[in-house]
PDB file of N, CA and C in Angstrom:
ATOM      1  N   MET A   1      94.879 116.710  66.854  1.00  0.00           N
ATOM      2  CA  MET A   1      94.324 116.117  68.024  1.00  0.00           C
ATOM      3  C   MET A   1      92.265 116.385  68.115  1.00  0.00           C
ATOM      4  N   LYS A   2      92.229 115.708  69.548  1.00  0.00           N
ATOM      5  CA  LYS A   2      90.782 115.616  69.542  1.00  0.00           C
ATOM      6  C   LYS A   2      90.588 116.369  70.366  1.00  0.00           C
ATOM      7  N   PRO A   3      89.396 117.659  70.308  1.00  0.00           N
ATOM      8  CA  PRO A   3      88.851 118.144  71.166  1.00  0.00           C
ATOM      9  C   PRO A   3      88.646 117.381  72.555  1.00  0.00           C
ATOM     10  N   THR A   4      88.944 118.947  73.836  1.00  0.00           N
ATOM     11  CA  THR A   4      88.761 118.077  75.059  1.00  0.00           C
ATOM     12  C   THR A   4      87.309 119.243  75.480  1.00  0.00           C
ATOM     13  N   TRP A   5      86.652 118.395  76.854  1.00  0.00           N
ATOM     14  CA  TRP A   5      85.576 119.248  77.283  1.00  0.00           C
ATOM     15  C   TRP A   5      86.211 120.366  77.655  1.00  0.00           C
ATOM     16  N   ILE A   6      87.536 120.531  78.379  1.00  0.00           N
ATOM     17  CA  ILE A   6      88.113 121.716  79.099  1.00  0.00           C
ATOM     18  C   ILE A   6      89.184 122.725  78.263  1.00  0.00           C
ATOM     19  N   ALA A   7      89.136 122.170  76.935  1.00  0.00           N
ATOM     20  CA  ALA A   7      89.540 122.712  75.880  1.00  0.00           C
ATOM     21  C   ALA A   7      88.689 123.968  75.569  1.00  0.00           C
ATOM     22  N   LEU A   8      87.596 123.339  75.084  1.00  0.00           N
ATOM     23  CA  LEU A   8      85.748 124.005  74.528  1.00  0.00           C
ATOM     24  C   LEU A   8      85.538 124.690  75.582  1.00  0.00           C
ATOM     25  N   TYR A   9      85.661 124.415  77.036  1.00  0.00           N
ATOM     26  CA  TYR A   9      84.678 124.771  77.580  1.00  0.00           C
ATOM     27  C   TYR A   9      85.935 126.370  77.955  1.00  0.00           C
ATOM     28  N   THR A  10      87.092 126.343  77.699  1.00  0.00           N
ATOM     29  CA  THR A  10      87.906 127.075  78.039  1.00  0.00           C
ATOM     30  C   THR A  10      87.672 128.581  77.059  1.00  0.00           C
ATOM     31  N   ARG A  11      87.897 127.473  75.621  1.00  0.00           N
ATOM     32  CA  ARG A  11      88.302 128.907  74.694  1.00  0.00           C
ATOM     33  C   ARG A  11      86.949 129.788  74.491  1.00  0.00           C
ATOM     34  N   GLY A  12      85.316 128.761  75.014  1.00  0.00           N
ATOM     35  CA  GLY A  12      84.106 129.497  74.740  1.00  0.00           C
ATOM     36  C   GLY A  12      83.963 130.353  75.871  1.00  0.00           C
ATOM     37  N   ASN A  13      84.526 129.694  77.154  1.00  0.00           N
ATOM     38  CA  ASN A  13      84.572 131.160  77.836  1.00  0.00           C
ATOM     39  C   ASN A  13      85.211 132.137  77.611  1.00  0.00           C
ATOM     40  N   SER A  14      86.386 132.028  77.239  1.00  0.00           N
ATOM     41  CA  SER A  14      87.236 133.614  77.494  1.00  0.00           C
ATOM     42  C   SER A  14      86.760 134.194  75.674  1.00  0.00           C
ATOM     43  N   TYR A  15      85.755 133.438  74.632  1.00  0.00           N
ATOM     44  CA  TYR A  15      85.272 134.483  73.680  1.00  0.00           C
ATOM     45  C   TYR A  15      84.405 135.108  74.463  1.00  0.00           C
ATOM     46  N   LEU A  16      83.310 134.913  75.067  1.00  0.00           N
ATOM     47  CA  LEU A  16      82.208 135.371  75.925  1.00  0.00           C
ATOM     48  C   LEU A  16      82.744 136.538  76.743  1.00  0.00           C
ATOM     49  N   TYR A  17      83.903 136.126  77.558  1.00  0.00           N
ATOM     50  CA  TYR A  17      84.362 137.610  78.579  1.00  0.00           C
ATOM     51  C   TYR A  17      85.823 138.176  78.246  1.00  0.00           C
ATOM     52  N   TRP A  18      86.159 138.143  78.019  1.00  0.00           N
ATOM     53  CA  TRP A  18      87.400 138.897  77.745  1.00  0.00           C
ATOM     54  C   TRP A  18      86.578 140.322  76.376  1.00  0.00           C
ATOM     55  N   ARG A  19      87.191 141.196  76.872  1.00  0.00           N
ATOM     56  CA  ARG A  19      86.517 142.674  76.475  1.00  0.00           C
ATOM     57  C   ARG A  19      86.772 143.055  75.092  1.00  0.00           C
ATOM     58  N   ASP A  20      87.828 142.505  74.624  1.00  0.00           N
ATOM     59  CA  ASP A  20      88.208 142.823  72.654  1.00  0.00           C
ATOM     60  C   ASP A  20      87.805 141.811  72.110  1.00  0.00           C
ATOM     61  N   PHE A  21      86.709 140.933  72.561  1.00  0.00           N
ATOM     62  CA  PHE A  21      87.034 140.005  71.186  1.00  0.00           C
ATOM     63  C   PHE A  21      85.292 140.339  70.955  1.00  0.00           C
ATOM     64  N   ASN A  22      84.360 140.074  72.013  1.00  0.00           N
ATOM     65  CA  ASN A  22      82.755 140.489  71.465  1.00  0.00           C
ATOM     66  C   ASN A  22      82.698 139.412  70.259  1.00  0.00           C
ATOM     67  N   ARG A  23      83.079 138.139  70.670  1.00  0.00           N
ATOM     68  CA  ARG A  23      82.797 136.948  69.767  1.00  0.00           C
ATOM     69  C   ARG A  23      81.562 135.851  70.704  1.00  0.00           C
ATOM     70  N   ALA A  24      80.737 136.065  71.052  1.00  0.00           N
ATOM     71  CA  ALA A  24      79.747 135.550  71.375  1.00  0.00           C
ATOM     72  C   ALA A  24      79.304 134.443  70.862  1.00  0.00           C
ATOM     73  N   GLN A  25      79.492 134.747  69.712  1.00  0.00           N
ATOM     74  CA  GLN A  25      78.774 133.423  68.858  1.00  0.00           C
ATOM     75  C   GLN A  25      80.060 132.247  68.712  1.00  0.00           C
ATOM     76  N   LEU A  26      80.744 132.808  68.259  1.00  0.00           N
ATOM     77  CA  LEU A  26      81.752 131.505  68.547  1.00  0.00           C
ATOM     78  C   LEU A  26      82.234 130.991  69.924  1.00  0.00           C
ATOM     79  N   GLY A  27      81.926 131.593  70.798  1.00  0.00           N
ATOM     80  CA  GLY A  27      82.104 130.927  72.305  1.00  0.00           C
ATOM     81  C   GLY A  27      80.832 130.158  73.194  1.00  0.00           C
ATOM     82  N   VAL A  28      79.707 130.635  72.367  1.00  0.00           N
ATOM     83  CA  VAL A  28      78.654 129.327  72.333  1.00  0.00           C
ATOM     84  C   VAL A  28      78.661 128.183  71.542  1.00  0.00           C
ATOM     85  N   ALA A  29      78.847 128.207  70.672  1.00  0.00           N
ATOM     86  CA  ALA A  29      79.610 127.207  69.851  1.00  0.00           C
ATOM     87  C   ALA A  29      80.201 126.458  70.152  1.00  0.00           C
ATOM     88  N   ASP A  30      81.618 127.232  70.448  1.00  0.00           N
ATOM     89  CA  ASP A  30      82.261 125.779  71.360  1.00  0.00           C
ATOM     90  C   ASP A  30      81.908 125.331  73.008  1.00  0.00           C
ATOM     91  N   LEU A  31      81.086 126.173  73.719  1.00  0.00           N
ATOM     92  CA  LEU A  31      80.321 125.140  74.299  1.00  0.00           C
ATOM     93  C   LEU A  31      79.284 124.859  74.250  1.00  0.00           C
ATOM     94  N   GLU A  32      78.499 124.697  72.947  1.00  0.00           N
ATOM     95  CA  GLU A  32      77.609 123.802  72.388  1.00  0.00           C
ATOM     96  C   GLU A  32      78.260 122.648  72.542  1.00  0.00           C
ATOM     97  N   GLN A  33      79.448 122.646  72.162  1.00  0.00           N
ATOM     98  CA  GLN A  33      80.027 120.973  71.534  1.00  0.00           C
ATOM     99  C   GLN A  33      80.673 120.941  73.078  1.00  0.00           C
ATOM    100  N   ALA A  34      81.088 121.369  73.706  1.00  0.00           N
ATOM    101  CA  ALA A  34      81.407 121.148  74.910  1.00  0.00           C
ATOM    102  C   ALA A  34      80.049 120.603  75.811  1.00  0.00           C
ATOM    103  N   MET A  35      78.938 121.151  76.078  1.00  0.00           N
ATOM    104  CA  MET A  35      77.675 120.426  76.339  1.00  0.00           C
ATOM    105  C   MET A  35      77.431 119.002  75.219  1.00  0.00           C
ATOM    106  N   LYS A  36      77.690 119.274  74.362  1.00  0.00           N
ATOM    107  CA  LYS A  36      77.354 117.318  74.256  1.00  0.00           C
ATOM    108  C   LYS A  36      78.165 116.584  74.670  1.00  0.00           C
ATOM    109  N   MET A  37      79.712 116.910  74.455  1.00  0.00           N
ATOM    110  CA  MET A  37      80.664 116.327  75.332  1.00  0.00           C
ATOM    111  C   MET A  37      80.065 115.706  77.047  1.00  0.00           C
ATOM    112  N   GLN A  38      79.687 116.987  77.478  1.00  0.00           N
ATOM    113  CA  GLN A  38      79.441 116.265  79.101  1.00  0.00           C
ATOM    114  C   GLN A  38      78.279 115.598  78.925  1.00  0.00           C
ATOM    115  N   LYS A  39      77.064 115.878  78.114  1.00  0.00           N
ATOM    116  CA  LYS A  39      75.862 115.087  78.147  1.00  0.00           C
ATOM    117  C   LYS A  39      76.473 113.436  78.125  1.00  0.00           C
ATOM    118  N   ALA A  40      77.649 112.816  77.163  1.00  0.00           N
ATOM    119  CA  ALA A  40      78.457 111.859  76.798  1.00  0.00           C
ATOM    120  C   ALA A  40      78.941 111.133  77.895  1.00  0.00           C
ATOM    121  N   ASP A  41      79.532 112.469  79.039  1.00  0.00           N
ATOM    122  CA  ASP A  41      80.160 111.417  79.773  1.00  0.00           C
ATOM    123  C   ASP A  41      79.535 111.597  81.151  1.00  0.00           C
ATOM    124  N   LYS A  42      80.461 110.963  82.433  1.00  0.00           N
ATOM    125  CA  LYS A  42      79.749 111.004  83.745  1.00  0.00           C
ATOM    126  C   LYS A  42      79.385 112.087  84.276  1.00  0.00           C
ATOM    127  N   GLN A  43      78.592 112.590  84.955  1.00  0.00           N
ATOM    128  CA  GLN A  43      78.213 113.614  85.456  1.00  0.00           C
ATOM    129  C   GLN A  43      79.301 114.301  86.233  1.00  0.00           C
ATOM    130  N   ARG A  44      80.172 115.422  86.567  1.00  0.00           N
ATOM    131  CA  ARG A  44      81.180 115.730  87.416  1.00  0.00           C
ATOM    132  C   ARG A  44      80.585 117.508  88.006  1.00  0.00           C
ATOM    133  N   SER A  45      81.480 117.726  88.583  1.00  0.00           N
ATOM    134  CA  SER A  45      80.657 118.959  89.614  1.00  0.00           C
ATOM    135  C   SER A  45      81.183 120.041  88.463  1.00  0.00           C
ATOM    136  N   TYR A  46      81.851 120.031  87.871  1.00  0.00           N
ATOM    137  CA  TYR A  46      82.387 121.175  87.414  1.00  0.00           C
ATOM    138  C   TYR A  46      81.576 121.575  85.732  1.00  0.00           C
ATOM    139  N   HIS A  47      81.193 120.477  85.996  1.00  0.00           N
ATOM    140  CA  HIS A  47      80.234 120.642  84.693  1.00  0.00           C
ATOM    141  C   HIS A  47      78.817 121.794  84.628  1.00  0.00           C
ATOM    142  N   VAL A  48      78.506 122.164  85.809  1.00  0.00           N
ATOM    143  CA  VAL A  48      77.898 123.124  85.875  1.00  0.00           C
ATOM    144  C   VAL A  48      78.509 124.233  85.093  1.00  0.00           C
ATOM    145  N   ARG A  49      79.322 124.766  85.499  1.00  0.00           N
ATOM    146  CA  ARG A  49      79.809 125.797  84.579  1.00  0.00           C
ATOM    147  C   ARG A  49      79.534 126.017  83.282  1.00  0.00           C
ATOM    148  N   GLY A  50      79.060 124.872  82.051  1.00  0.00           N
ATOM    149  CA  GLY A  50      78.792 125.059  81.054  1.00  0.00           C
ATOM    150  C   GLY A  50      77.896 125.503  80.812  1.00  0.00           C
ATOM    151  N   TYR A  51      76.863 125.011  81.442  1.00  0.00           N
ATOM    152  CA  TYR A  51      75.480 125.373  81.611  1.00  0.00           C
ATOM    153  C   TYR A  51      75.324 127.301  82.384  1.00  0.00           C
ATOM    154  N   ILE A  52      76.198 127.737  83.200  1.00  0.00           N
ATOM    155  CA  ILE A  52      76.037 129.075  83.262  1.00  0.00           C
ATOM    156  C   ILE A  52      76.681 129.944  82.211  1.00  0.00           C
ATOM    157  N   SER A  53      78.365 129.282  81.689  1.00  0.00           N
ATOM    158  CA  SER A  53      78.766 129.788  80.236  1.00  0.00           C
ATOM    159  C   SER A  53      77.087 130.172  79.317  1.00  0.00           C
ATOM    160  N   LEU A  54      77.194 128.923  79.087  1.00  0.00           N
ATOM    161  CA  LEU A  54      76.126 129.045  78.034  1.00  0.00           C
ATOM    162  C   LEU A  54      75.256 130.141  77.809  1.00  0.00           C
ATOM    163  N   GLY A  55      74.304 129.854  79.572  1.00  0.00           N
ATOM    164  CA  GLY A  55      73.212 131.566  79.688  1.00  0.00           C
ATOM    165  C   GLY A  55      74.016 132.334  79.462  1.00  0.00           C
ATOM    166  N   ASP A  56      74.620 132.585  79.347  1.00  0.00           N
ATOM    167  CA  ASP A  56      75.357 133.796  79.991  1.00  0.00           C
ATOM    168  C   ASP A  56      75.721 134.508  78.239  1.00  0.00           C
ATOM    169  N   GLY A  57      76.041 133.079  77.312  1.00  0.00           N
ATOM    170  CA  GLY A  57      76.352 133.407  75.910  1.00  0.00           C
ATOM    171  C   GLY A  57      75.249 133.466  75.211  1.00  0.00           C
ATOM    172  N   TYR A  58      73.790 133.048  75.565  1.00  0.00           N
ATOM    173  CA  TYR A  58      73.140 133.538  74.825  1.00  0.00           C
ATOM    174  C   TYR A  58      72.275 134.985  75.157  1.00  0.00           C
ATOM    175  N   TRP A  59      72.468 134.952  76.592  1.00  0.00           N
ATOM    176  CA  TRP A  59      72.021 136.470  76.972  1.00  0.00           C
ATOM    177  C   TRP A  59      72.843 137.422  76.272  1.00  0.00           C
ATOM    178  N   LYS A  60      74.294 137.082  76.192  1.00  0.00           N
ATOM    179  CA  LYS A  60      74.843 138.225  75.042  1.00  0.00           C
ATOM    180  C   LYS A  60      74.529 138.241  73.833  1.00  0.00           C
ATOM    181  N   MET A  61      73.849 137.008  73.475  1.00  0.00           N
ATOM    182  CA  MET A  61      73.823 137.643  72.390  1.00  0.00           C
ATOM    183  C   MET A  61      71.951 137.791  72.044  1.00  0.00           C
ATOM    184  N   ASP A  62      71.657 138.406  73.053  1.00  0.00           N
ATOM    185  CA  ASP A  62      69.861 138.691  73.243  1.00  0.00           C
ATOM    186  C   ASP A  62      68.910 137.736  72.522  1.00  0.00           C
ATOM    187  N   ASP A  63      69.375 136.505  73.124  1.00  0.00           N
ATOM    188  CA  ASP A  63      68.367 135.438  73.349  1.00  0.00           C
ATOM    189  C   ASP A  63      67.714 135.227  74.852  1.00  0.00           C
ATOM    190  N   VAL A  64      67.229 135.816  75.364  1.00  0.00           N
ATOM    191  CA  VAL A  64      67.431 136.135  77.098  1.00  0.00           C
ATOM    192  C   VAL A  64      66.809 134.523  77.498  1.00  0.00           C
ATOM    193  N   ALA A  65      65.595 134.533  76.644  1.00  0.00           N
ATOM    194  CA  ALA A  65      64.902 132.937  76.841  1.00  0.00           C
ATOM    195  C   ALA A  65      65.678 132.081  76.382  1.00  0.00           C
ATOM    196  N   LYS A  66      66.222 131.328  75.990  1.00  0.00           N
ATOM    197  CA  LYS A  66      67.236 130.191  75.911  1.00  0.00           C
ATOM    198  C   LYS A  66      68.372 130.301  76.808  1.00  0.00           C
ATOM    199  N   GLY A  67      69.244 131.950  77.307  1.00  0.00           N
ATOM    200  CA  GLY A  67      69.694 131.801  78.326  1.00  0.00           C
ATOM    201  C   GLY A  67      69.409 131.193  79.503  1.00  0.00           C
ATOM    202  N   GLU A  68      68.072 131.616  80.214  1.00  0.00           N
ATOM    203  CA  GLU A  68      67.223 131.621  81.103  1.00  0.00           C
ATOM    204  C   GLU A  68      67.379 129.954  81.093  1.00  0.00           C
ATOM    205  N   VAL A  69      67.279 129.080  80.239  1.00  0.00           N
ATOM    206  CA  VAL A  69      66.379 128.069  80.244  1.00  0.00           C
ATOM    207  C   VAL A  69      68.003 127.180  80.442  1.00  0.00           C
ATOM    208  N   TYR A  70      69.312 127.642  79.566  1.00  0.00           N
ATOM    209  CA  TYR A  70      70.624 126.851  80.342  1.00  0.00           C
ATOM    210  C   TYR A  70      71.221 127.533  82.035  1.00  0.00           C
ATOM    211  N   LEU A  71      70.970 128.936  82.175  1.00  0.00           N
ATOM    212  CA  LEU A  71      71.373 129.258  83.563  1.00  0.00           C
ATOM    213  C   LEU A  71      70.092 128.153  84.840  1.00  0.00           C
ATOM    214  N   ALA A  72      68.980 128.030  84.519  1.00  0.00           N
ATOM    215  CA  ALA A  72      68.144 127.367  85.018  1.00  0.00           C
ATOM    216  C   ALA A  72      68.963 125.461  84.950  1.00  0.00           C
ATOM    217  N   GLY A  73      69.605 125.323  84.184  1.00  0.00           N
ATOM    218  CA  GLY A  73      70.088 123.976  84.192  1.00  0.00           C
ATOM    219  C   GLY A  73      69.166 123.232  83.777  1.00  0.00           C
ATOM    220  N   ARG A  74      68.295 123.971  82.371  1.00  0.00           N
ATOM    221  CA  ARG A  74      67.309 122.703  82.120  1.00  0.00           C
ATOM    222  C   ARG A  74      67.923 122.958  80.460  1.00  0.00           C
ATOM    223  N   PRO A  75      68.905 122.450  79.891  1.00  0.00           N
ATOM    224  CA  PRO A  75      68.946 122.747  78.134  1.00  0.00           C
ATOM    225  C   PRO A  75      68.121 122.174  77.818  1.00  0.00           C
ATOM    226  N   GLU A  76      67.438 120.420  78.077  1.00  0.00           N
ATOM    227  CA  GLU A  76      66.042 119.874  76.763  1.00  0.00           C
ATOM    228  C   GLU A  76      64.461 120.633  77.026  1.00  0.00           C
ATOM    229  N   ALA A  77      65.093 121.778  77.634  1.00  0.00           N
ATOM    230  CA  ALA A  77      63.691 122.576  77.888  1.00  0.00           C
ATOM    231  C   ALA A  77      63.604 124.378  76.800  1.00  0.00           C
ATOM    232  N   VAL A  78      64.526 124.185  75.615  1.00  0.00           N
ATOM    233  CA  VAL A  78      65.222 125.055  74.795  1.00  0.00           C
ATOM    234  C   VAL A  78      64.660 125.120  74.049  1.00  0.00           C
ATOM    235  N   PRO A  79      63.809 126.526  73.461  1.00  0.00           N
ATOM    236  CA  PRO A  79      62.771 126.379  72.362  1.00  0.00           C
ATOM    237  C   PRO A  79      63.516 126.240  71.158  1.00  0.00           C
ATOM    238  N   GLY A  80      62.727 125.873  69.943  1.00  0.00           N
ATOM    239  CA  GLY A  80      63.656 125.367  68.984  1.00  0.00           C
ATOM    240  C   GLY A  80      64.509 124.442  68.662  1.00  0.00           C
TER     241      GLY A  80
END
């Protein structure tokens, strides 16, 4: 089965916010894949959720600079 944006976003977001998971790295990995898909797709209103979740994920991994860039909606400015 081919991965979809909604599946990657949902799993990635779940990894970030479910208390017992402590799997922010896995969540960010899924969200990064979802972000690649949304960049190749027509822009949709719900895609903003990918930016917000990635920002939160990087913040949870103590990469505040990268998190702020995604929360500002400017992933092209991500350092490194």
